[in-house]
Amino acid sequence: MTKRFLLAAIAAATLVAPAIAADSVSLSHFLEQWDGNNDGVVTLAEIKQGREHRFYAFDANADGYLDRDEYARFDKVRDAGIARFSPEEQVKIRQIADGLTLPRNDTDGDGRVSRAEFIDGSTAWMKAIDKDGDGQLTSRDFPD
């Protein structure tokens, strides 16, 4: 297994890893995956750091861009992680995961996403998730 593939698998798992509890999975599980310091709050800095890790995990040729093939692999790994959840939960997770897709991040329309485009997309993605508009992500942003 290559180092990049292993990193890609880890990155995907950190986006949509299954919950340990036996009851239904909540989107608040997202907080567990993106909350770097485990304080119950995801900040913009943590979103940027998480996106940077995911970018490097999927930039297979290390050219500083996610091209269509690299994005296809990113989508495939993300979809496999999402598929582990119930259909109802999948809908909710996909609404959030949409902020990581090629169309949402290819701001210059050249068919690939640079590291800068991907990291710069952090602010808009966070605002889309931040339902209460307080500039941080907490369980309040993920109603059941």
Protein backbone atom coordinates (compact mmCIF):
# COMPACT_ATOMS: atom_id res chain seq x y z
CA MET A 1 0.00 0.00 0.00
CA THR A 2 1.49 3.34 -0.98
CA LYS A 3 1.97 6.12 1.51
CA ARG A 4 -0.37 8.43 -0.44
CA PHE A 5 -3.09 5.78 -0.59
CA LEU A 6 -2.79 5.22 3.14
CA LEU A 7 -3.00 8.97 3.76
CA ALA A 8 -6.01 9.18 1.46
CA ALA A 9 -7.77 6.39 3.33
CA ILE A 10 -7.04 8.06 6.67
CA ALA A 11 -8.26 11.42 5.37
CA ALA A 12 -11.49 9.91 4.11
CA ALA A 13 -12.06 8.05 7.34
CA THR A 14 -11.62 11.25 9.30
CA LEU A 15 -14.41 12.83 7.29
CA VAL A 16 -17.01 10.15 7.71
CA ALA A 17 -15.78 7.50 10.15
CA PRO A 18 -18.55 5.45 11.74
CA ALA A 19 -19.63 6.33 15.25
CA ILE A 20 -18.76 3.97 18.06
CA ALA A 21 -22.18 4.17 19.67
CA ALA A 22 -24.77 1.60 18.63
CA ASP A 23 -27.51 4.17 18.12
CA SER A 24 -27.89 6.19 14.93
CA VAL A 25 -24.99 8.32 13.76
CA SER A 26 -25.42 12.07 14.09
CA LEU A 27 -23.80 14.67 11.93
CA SER A 28 -22.23 15.93 15.11
CA HIS A 29 -19.76 13.10 14.51
CA PHE A 30 -18.26 15.50 11.98
CA LEU A 31 -17.11 17.56 14.94
CA GLU A 32 -15.15 14.65 16.31
CA GLN A 33 -13.26 14.33 13.04
CA TRP A 34 -12.45 17.99 12.44
CA ASP A 35 -11.99 19.18 16.04
CA GLY A 36 -8.19 19.03 16.25
CA ASN A 37 -7.89 19.95 19.93
CA ASN A 38 -11.02 18.06 21.09
CA ASP A 39 -12.64 21.08 22.73
CA GLY A 40 -16.07 20.53 21.16
CA VAL A 41 -15.63 23.45 18.76
CA VAL A 42 -14.31 23.43 15.18
CA THR A 43 -12.67 26.68 14.22
CA LEU A 44 -11.75 28.06 10.83
CA ALA A 45 -8.10 27.26 11.58
CA GLU A 46 -9.04 23.60 12.18
CA ILE A 47 -11.07 23.51 8.96
CA LYS A 48 -8.09 24.92 7.03
CA GLN A 49 -5.71 22.43 8.61
CA GLY A 50 -8.05 19.51 7.91
CA ARG A 51 -8.53 20.57 4.32
CA GLU A 52 -4.79 20.95 3.85
CA HIS A 53 -4.21 17.41 5.14
CA ARG A 54 -6.87 16.05 2.81
CA PHE A 55 -5.45 18.00 -0.13
CA TYR A 56 -1.97 16.53 0.31
CA ALA A 57 -3.38 13.05 0.85
CA PHE A 58 -5.05 13.12 -2.58
CA ASP A 59 -2.45 15.09 -4.59
CA ALA A 60 -0.96 11.83 -5.85
CA ASN A 61 1.65 13.40 -8.14
CA ALA A 62 2.51 16.16 -5.63
CA ASP A 63 2.13 18.90 -8.25
CA GLY A 64 0.08 21.21 -6.02
CA TYR A 65 -3.19 20.51 -7.85
CA LEU A 66 -6.02 18.05 -7.57
CA ASP A 67 -6.82 17.17 -11.17
CA ARG A 68 -9.93 15.33 -12.33
CA ASP A 69 -8.38 11.88 -11.77
CA GLU A 70 -7.19 12.77 -8.27
CA TYR A 71 -10.57 14.28 -7.50
CA ALA A 72 -12.29 11.14 -8.80
CA ARG A 73 -10.26 9.11 -6.29
CA PHE A 74 -11.10 11.62 -3.52
CA ASP A 75 -14.81 11.35 -4.40
CA LYS A 76 -14.65 7.54 -4.51
CA VAL A 77 -13.04 7.28 -1.07
CA ARG A 78 -15.44 9.87 0.37
CA ASP A 79 -18.45 8.08 -1.15
CA ALA A 80 -17.29 4.75 0.28
CA GLY A 81 -17.13 6.30 3.73
CA ILE A 82 -20.55 7.88 3.38
CA ALA A 83 -22.05 4.58 2.18
CA ARG A 84 -21.54 3.11 5.65
CA PHE A 85 -24.33 5.28 7.04
CA SER A 86 -28.09 4.94 6.77
CA PRO A 87 -29.73 6.50 3.71
CA GLU A 88 -31.16 9.32 5.83
CA GLU A 89 -27.76 10.09 7.36
CA GLN A 90 -26.11 9.89 3.93
CA VAL A 91 -28.29 12.76 2.71
CA LYS A 92 -27.20 14.95 5.63
CA ILE A 93 -23.53 14.01 5.28
CA ARG A 94 -23.54 14.67 1.52
CA GLN A 95 -24.92 18.16 2.14
CA ILE A 96 -21.81 18.88 4.19
CA ALA A 97 -19.37 16.90 2.04
CA ASP A 98 -20.54 18.88 -1.02
CA GLY A 99 -18.20 21.65 0.14
CA LEU A 100 -15.24 19.41 -0.65
CA THR A 101 -16.20 18.65 -4.27
CA LEU A 102 -14.42 19.77 -7.43
CA PRO A 103 -17.22 22.10 -8.62
CA ARG A 104 -17.28 23.88 -5.24
CA ASN A 105 -13.52 24.39 -5.15
CA ASP A 106 -12.47 24.99 -8.77
CA THR A 107 -12.91 28.75 -8.49
CA ASP A 108 -10.98 29.60 -11.66
CA GLY A 109 -12.81 26.98 -13.76
CA ASP A 110 -9.69 25.27 -15.12
CA GLY A 111 -10.87 21.75 -14.22
CA ARG A 112 -8.45 21.28 -11.35
CA VAL A 113 -8.08 22.65 -7.83
CA SER A 114 -4.91 24.22 -6.56
CA ARG A 115 -3.87 23.98 -2.94
CA ALA A 116 -4.71 27.68 -2.57
CA GLU A 117 -8.20 27.21 -4.04
CA PHE A 118 -8.87 24.28 -1.72
CA ILE A 119 -7.64 26.06 1.41
CA ASP A 120 -9.34 29.33 0.40
CA GLY A 121 -12.60 27.37 0.14
CA SER A 122 -12.47 26.79 3.89
CA THR A 123 -14.24 30.03 4.79
CA ALA A 124 -17.21 29.52 2.46
CA TRP A 125 -17.53 25.88 3.50
CA MET A 126 -17.52 26.78 7.16
CA LYS A 127 -20.13 29.50 6.63
CA ALA A 128 -22.36 26.99 4.84
CA ILE A 129 -22.17 24.59 7.79
CA ASP A 130 -22.34 27.26 10.53
CA LYS A 131 -26.12 27.36 10.91
CA ASP A 132 -26.13 29.72 13.90
CA GLY A 133 -23.58 32.09 12.31
CA ASP A 134 -21.31 32.31 15.35
CA GLY A 135 -18.09 31.62 13.42
CA GLN A 136 -17.49 28.21 14.95
CA LEU A 137 -18.92 24.75 14.45
CA THR A 138 -20.52 23.00 17.39
CA SER A 139 -23.30 20.46 17.87
CA ARG A 140 -25.78 23.37 17.56
CA ASP A 141 -24.94 23.50 13.86
CA PHE A 142 -26.05 19.90 13.30
CA PRO A 143 -29.70 19.48 14.23
CA ASP A 144 -30.95 15.89 14.37
